[in-house]
Protein backbone atom coordinates (compact mmCIF):
# COMPACT_ATOMS: atom_id res chain seq x y z
CA UNK A 1 16.08 22.96 -6.38
CA UNK A 2 14.20 22.65 -3.09
CA UNK A 3 16.29 22.76 0.06
CA UNK A 4 17.21 19.11 0.76
CA UNK A 5 15.93 17.76 4.07
CA UNK A 6 17.64 14.34 3.98
CA UNK A 7 21.24 13.23 3.65
CA UNK A 8 20.29 11.31 0.51
CA UNK A 9 18.80 14.46 -1.00
CA UNK A 10 22.13 16.23 -0.58
CA UNK A 11 23.77 13.47 -2.62
CA UNK A 12 21.17 13.86 -5.36
CA UNK A 13 21.66 17.62 -5.40
CA UNK A 14 25.45 17.24 -5.63
CA UNK A 15 25.09 14.80 -8.55
CA UNK A 16 22.66 17.12 -10.31
CA UNK A 17 24.94 20.14 -9.87
CA UNK A 18 28.03 18.17 -10.95
CA UNK A 19 26.24 16.99 -14.10
CA UNK A 20 25.37 20.58 -14.98
CA UNK A 21 28.98 21.68 -14.41
CA UNK A 22 30.18 18.96 -16.81
CA UNK A 23 27.48 19.89 -19.34
CA UNK A 24 28.45 23.58 -19.22
CA UNK A 25 32.14 22.69 -19.58
CA UNK A 26 31.47 20.65 -22.70
CA UNK A 27 29.10 23.33 -24.00
CA UNK A 28 31.62 26.14 -23.46
CA UNK A 29 34.32 24.12 -25.25
CA UNK A 30 32.05 23.40 -28.23
CA UNK A 31 30.74 26.97 -28.41
CA UNK A 32 34.29 28.28 -28.18
CA UNK A 33 35.50 26.10 -31.05
CA UNK A 34 32.52 27.12 -33.18
CA UNK A 35 33.11 30.83 -32.55
CA UNK A 36 36.86 30.44 -33.14
CA UNK A 37 36.20 28.68 -36.46
CA UNK A 38 33.74 31.37 -37.57
CA UNK A 39 36.17 34.19 -36.82
CA UNK A 40 39.50 32.77 -37.94
CA UNK A 41 38.38 30.50 -40.76
CA UNK A 42 35.88 32.70 -42.47
CA UNK A 43 36.02 33.10 -46.23
CA UNK A 44 38.65 35.67 -47.26
CA UNK A 45 38.94 35.09 -51.02
CA UNK A 46 37.82 32.84 -53.84
CA UNK A 47 40.90 30.68 -53.37
CA UNK A 48 40.13 27.24 -51.99
CA UNK A 49 41.88 26.75 -48.64
CA UNK A 50 44.09 23.70 -48.03
CA UNK A 51 42.02 20.56 -47.56
CA UNK A 52 42.91 18.34 -44.60
CA UNK A 53 41.46 14.81 -44.44
CA UNK A 54 41.88 11.88 -42.11
CA UNK A 55 43.47 13.77 -39.24
CA UNK A 56 43.86 10.77 -36.97
CA UNK A 57 44.66 12.65 -33.74
CA UNK A 58 41.57 14.84 -34.10
CA UNK A 59 39.31 11.92 -35.03
CA UNK A 60 40.65 9.90 -32.11
CA UNK A 61 39.93 12.85 -29.82
CA UNK A 62 36.36 13.06 -31.15
CA UNK A 63 35.87 9.40 -30.25
CA UNK A 64 37.74 9.14 -26.95
CA UNK A 65 36.62 12.39 -25.32
CA UNK A 66 32.85 11.61 -25.36
CA UNK A 67 33.56 8.12 -24.00
CA UNK A 68 35.55 9.64 -21.14
CA UNK A 69 32.80 12.13 -20.35
CA UNK A 70 30.09 9.46 -20.38
CA UNK A 71 32.21 7.09 -18.27
CA UNK A 72 32.77 9.74 -15.61
CA UNK A 73 29.07 10.62 -15.46
CA UNK A 74 28.15 6.91 -15.34
CA UNK A 75 30.57 6.28 -12.47
CA UNK A 76 29.12 9.01 -10.26
CA UNK A 77 25.55 8.08 -11.19
CA UNK A 78 26.06 4.39 -10.36
CA UNK A 79 27.84 5.24 -7.11
CA UNK A 80 25.11 7.58 -5.91
CA UNK A 81 22.32 5.26 -7.04
CA UNK A 82 23.80 2.42 -4.97
CA UNK A 83 23.94 4.75 -1.96
CA UNK A 84 20.34 5.93 -2.44
CA UNK A 85 19.02 2.34 -2.55
CA UNK A 86 20.86 1.12 0.55
CA UNK A 87 18.49 -0.28 3.17
CA UNK A 88 20.96 -1.92 5.57
CA UNK A 89 20.85 0.60 8.41
CA UNK A 90 18.46 -0.13 11.31
CA UNK A 91 15.46 2.14 10.88
CA UNK A 92 13.94 4.29 13.62
CA UNK A 93 10.61 4.52 11.79
CA UNK A 94 9.08 2.01 9.33
CA UNK A 95 6.33 3.24 7.03
CA UNK A 96 4.39 1.27 4.45
CA UNK A 97 3.21 3.62 1.71
CA UNK A 98 0.09 2.41 -0.11
CA UNK A 99 -0.79 4.36 -3.23
CA UNK A 100 -4.33 3.78 -4.45
CA UNK A 101 -6.83 5.50 -6.68
CA UNK A 102 -7.04 8.28 -5.58
CA UNK A 103 -5.11 8.93 -2.37
CA UNK A 104 -2.47 7.57 0.01
CA UNK A 105 -2.36 5.40 3.11
CA UNK A 106 0.60 5.42 5.50
CA UNK A 107 0.90 2.34 7.73
CA UNK A 108 3.36 2.78 10.59
CA UNK A 109 4.92 -0.66 11.16
CA UNK A 110 6.81 -2.19 14.05
CA UNK A 111 9.46 -3.37 11.55
CA UNK A 112 10.11 -3.40 7.82
CA UNK A 113 8.58 -6.05 5.56
CA UNK A 114 11.98 -7.55 4.84
CA UNK A 115 12.73 -7.88 8.55
CA UNK A 116 9.34 -9.49 9.16
CA UNK A 117 9.93 -12.02 6.39
CA UNK A 118 13.40 -12.86 7.67
CA UNK A 119 12.12 -13.26 11.23
CA UNK A 120 9.25 -15.53 10.16
CA UNK A 121 11.20 -17.27 7.39
CA UNK A 122 8.12 -16.73 5.25
CA UNK A 123 8.18 -14.71 1.99
CA UNK A 124 4.59 -13.60 2.65
CA UNK A 125 5.02 -12.59 6.29
CA UNK A 126 3.63 -9.16 7.10
CA UNK A 127 4.81 -6.91 9.95
CA UNK A 128 2.35 -5.69 12.55
CA UNK A 129 0.76 -2.31 11.89
CA UNK A 130 0.96 -0.04 14.92
CA UNK A 131 -1.38 2.57 13.44
CA UNK A 132 -2.34 3.98 10.05
CA UNK A 133 -3.07 7.34 8.43
CA UNK A 134 -5.59 7.03 5.61
CA UNK A 135 -6.34 9.76 3.11
CA UNK A 136 -9.27 10.36 0.79
CA UNK A 137 -9.62 12.44 -2.37
CA UNK A 138 -11.41 15.03 -0.21
CA UNK A 139 -8.98 14.92 2.73
CA UNK A 140 -5.25 15.15 2.05
CA UNK A 141 -3.31 12.82 4.41
CA UNK A 142 -0.22 13.92 6.34
CA UNK A 143 2.89 11.79 6.72
CA UNK A 144 4.69 12.66 9.97
CA UNK A 145 8.37 11.92 10.60
CA UNK A 146 10.82 12.92 13.34
CA UNK A 147 13.99 14.93 12.84
CA UNK A 148 17.25 13.00 12.82
CA UNK A 149 15.55 9.64 12.22
CA UNK A 150 16.36 6.89 9.74
CA UNK A 151 13.07 6.16 7.96
CA UNK A 152 12.42 2.99 5.98
CA UNK A 153 9.71 3.10 3.30
CA UNK A 154 7.95 0.04 1.82
CA UNK A 155 5.93 0.95 -1.26
CA UNK A 156 2.95 -1.01 -2.57
CA UNK A 157 -0.19 -0.48 -4.67
CA UNK A 158 -3.45 -2.47 -4.99
CA UNK A 159 -4.48 -1.10 -8.40
CA UNK A 160 -2.17 0.76 -10.85
CA UNK A 161 1.33 2.24 -10.92
CA UNK A 162 1.80 5.39 -8.85
CA UNK A 163 4.96 7.29 -7.91
CA UNK A 164 5.81 8.42 -4.39
CA UNK A 165 7.47 11.83 -4.63
CA UNK A 166 8.51 14.34 -2.02
CA UNK A 167 10.38 17.16 -3.80
CA UNK A 168 12.31 18.01 -0.62
CA UNK A 169 13.70 14.43 -0.75
CA UNK A 170 14.97 15.12 -4.30
CA UNK A 171 13.91 11.54 -4.94
CA UNK A 172 10.90 9.56 -6.12
CA UNK A 173 10.14 5.88 -6.59
CA UNK A 174 7.39 3.99 -8.40
CA UNK A 175 4.64 2.26 -6.43
CA UNK A 176 3.90 -0.90 -8.44
CA UNK A 177 1.16 -3.53 -7.94
CA UNK A 178 2.45 -6.98 -6.92
CA UNK A 179 5.95 -5.64 -6.42
CA UNK A 180 7.28 -4.14 -3.20
CA UNK A 181 9.82 -1.34 -3.62
CA UNK A 182 11.77 0.07 -0.70
CA UNK A 183 14.22 2.83 0.21
CA UNK A 184 15.57 4.64 3.26
CA UNK A 185 16.34 8.23 4.14
CA UNK A 186 18.04 9.96 7.04
CA UNK A 187 16.08 13.09 7.96
CA UNK A 188 18.38 15.99 8.79
CA UNK A 189 18.27 17.89 12.05
CA UNK A 190 16.71 21.34 12.04
CA UNK A 191 14.29 20.56 9.20
CA UNK A 192 11.02 20.73 11.15
CA UNK A 193 8.22 22.02 8.97
CA UNK A 194 5.60 21.06 6.38
CA UNK A 195 6.48 19.91 2.88
CA UNK A 196 4.49 18.92 -0.19
CA UNK A 197 4.15 15.43 -1.59
CA UNK A 198 2.37 14.07 -4.64
CA UNK A 199 2.06 11.27 -7.16
CA UNK A 200 4.49 11.72 -10.07
CA UNK A 201 3.01 9.03 -12.32
CA UNK A 202 -0.05 9.65 -14.51
CA UNK A 203 -2.30 7.07 -12.84
CA UNK A 204 -5.79 7.98 -14.04
CA UNK A 205 -8.48 10.60 -14.16
CA UNK A 206 -7.99 11.86 -10.58
CA UNK A 207 -4.17 11.78 -10.69
CA UNK A 208 -3.92 15.50 -9.95
CA UNK A 209 -5.75 14.98 -6.64
CA UNK A 210 -3.26 12.44 -5.27
CA UNK A 211 -1.59 14.89 -2.90
CA UNK A 212 -0.24 14.53 0.62
CA UNK A 213 1.74 16.54 3.13
CA UNK A 214 4.94 15.70 4.96
CA UNK A 215 5.35 17.14 8.44
CA UNK A 216 8.80 16.84 9.98
CA UNK A 217 8.48 17.10 13.77
CA UNK A 218 10.86 17.45 16.64
CA UNK A 219 11.51 14.02 18.23
CA UNK A 220 9.58 14.67 21.46
CA UNK A 221 6.57 15.99 19.56
CA UNK A 222 6.65 13.00 17.23
CA UNK A 223 6.85 10.54 20.14
CA UNK A 224 3.83 12.18 21.77
CA UNK A 225 1.85 12.09 18.54
CA UNK A 226 2.80 8.47 17.82
CA UNK A 227 1.79 7.41 21.36
CA UNK A 228 -1.62 9.05 20.90
CA UNK A 229 -2.10 7.29 17.56
CA UNK A 230 -1.17 3.91 19.07
CA UNK A 231 -3.63 4.38 21.94
CA UNK A 232 -6.39 5.37 19.53
CA UNK A 233 -5.63 2.36 17.31
CA UNK A 234 -5.62 -0.01 20.30
CA UNK A 235 -8.91 1.42 21.59
CA UNK A 236 -10.49 1.03 18.18
CA UNK A 237 -9.18 -2.53 17.94
CA UNK A 238 -10.67 -3.35 21.35
CA UNK A 239 -14.01 -1.86 20.33
CA UNK A 240 -14.05 -3.93 17.17
CA UNK A 241 -13.13 -7.05 19.16
CA UNK A 242 -15.94 -6.38 21.66
CA UNK A 243 -18.39 -5.76 18.87
CA UNK A 244 -17.35 -8.98 17.16
CA UNK A 245 -17.67 -10.83 20.49
CA UNK A 246 -21.14 -9.38 21.10
CA UNK A 247 -22.19 -10.26 17.58
CA UNK A 248 -20.91 -13.80 18.03
CA UNK A 249 -22.70 -14.16 21.38
CA UNK A 250 -25.92 -12.82 19.89
CA UNK A 251 -25.60 -15.23 16.98
CA UNK A 252 -25.01 -18.16 19.34
CA UNK A 253 -27.95 -17.12 21.53
CA UNK A 254 -30.16 -16.79 18.49
CA UNK A 255 -29.10 -20.24 17.32
CA UNK A 256 -29.82 -21.66 20.80
CA UNK A 257 -33.25 -20.01 20.92
CA UNK A 258 -33.99 -21.30 17.47
CA UNK A 259 -33.04 -24.83 18.53
CA UNK A 260 -35.24 -24.57 21.63
CA UNK A 261 -38.12 -23.31 19.52
CA UNK A 262 -37.73 -26.25 17.16
CA UNK A 263 -37.71 -28.69 20.12
CA UNK A 264 -40.83 -27.11 21.60
CA UNK A 265 -42.59 -27.26 18.28
CA UNK A 266 -41.67 -30.90 17.86
CA UNK A 267 -42.88 -31.68 21.41
CA UNK A 268 -46.17 -29.89 20.81
CA UNK A 269 -46.71 -31.71 17.56
CA UNK A 270 -46.01 -35.03 19.28
CA UNK A 271 -48.48 -34.33 22.11
CA UNK A 272 -51.16 -33.23 19.67
CA UNK A 273 -50.97 -36.51 17.75
CA UNK A 274 -51.91 -38.72 20.78
CA UNK A 275 -55.72 -37.95 20.94
CA UNK A 276 -56.02 -38.46 17.24
CA UNK A 277 -54.29 -41.82 17.53
CA UNK A 278 -56.58 -42.79 20.42
CA UNK A 279 -59.65 -41.75 18.48
CA UNK A 280 -58.46 -43.74 15.52
CA UNK A 281 -57.92 -46.73 17.79
CA UNK A 282 -61.50 -46.48 19.12
CA UNK A 283 -63.10 -46.45 15.74
CA UNK A 284 -62.61 -50.18 14.92
CA UNK A 285 -64.05 -51.19 18.32
CA UNK A 286 -67.21 -49.13 17.76
CA UNK A 287 -67.71 -50.63 14.39
CA UNK A 288 -67.25 -54.18 15.80
CA UNK A 289 -69.90 -53.57 18.54
CA UNK A 290 -72.40 -52.34 15.97
CA UNK A 291 -71.91 -55.51 13.95
CA UNK A 292 -72.64 -57.72 17.01
CA UNK A 293 -75.93 -55.82 17.74
CA UNK A 294 -77.04 -56.21 14.15
CA UNK A 295 -76.42 -59.97 14.35
CA UNK A 296 -78.47 -60.33 17.59
CA UNK A 297 -81.45 -58.39 16.14
CA UNK A 298 -81.41 -60.58 13.07
CA UNK A 299 -81.46 -63.76 15.18
CA UNK A 300 -84.42 -62.55 17.30
CA UNK A 301 -86.41 -61.62 14.24
CA UNK A 302 -85.75 -65.03 12.69
CA UNK A 303 -86.89 -66.80 15.93
CA UNK A 304 -90.14 -64.81 15.96
CA UNK A 305 -90.88 -65.96 12.48
């Protein structure tokens, strides 16, 4: 087993070791009875040995003893499972783990999803993301946590089922679409270092590439790193906001220029129609004058005759 780096991992290790102790105890008892029967009840002659049937104490033992063993194992399993799934302690670090084809994204939140929903009284409320670490199939992401911290994990997936597994946690949990899973761990002191993480659920063709690293840092180093990530995220957010503002201003200016151009075009078209209208208005007058001249010429010609 890997060296456990969380208090919960120590519980898992103790349960695993205790189960093996019980299994070896039962195995040694069964092997011992088999060997004893082979040695002391082997065939010695052709005489048929005494036949014993319906030995109630032995048959009762065969029934009761397995039930006792299973009940004891069930008790310790249920007890430790309840402890591993406790999420009541206030967390020092909240991380949303997003498993997607084919990598991981770690969103560092200001509070857990459950706390955000309770605060907003909205089942769909989402906590604010302080900063995020996004991986790609070509670049393995690194999850960073401080020593001695209580860490709350919210697990979600946008595509298929994955499984978030850090062997040094001695624990893994499925990442299921449309269902948020959660768990907490308490990172032990003196565990600074780098550990492996991976997907433990066959999730598709690139499943083997869904790897990540866990780096446990000393608290002061983690605080420094987290502050740098927050500043970078805020700067990027401001840049995006400025870009969006510039784009909106440019769009508004373009719309204004377009409106002005339409007005100018309409004005030009209106001014250009006036001479044509005047010319059209003159045409009937010219025709009327020509008719009067023709009438006068006709009268003079008739008088001459």
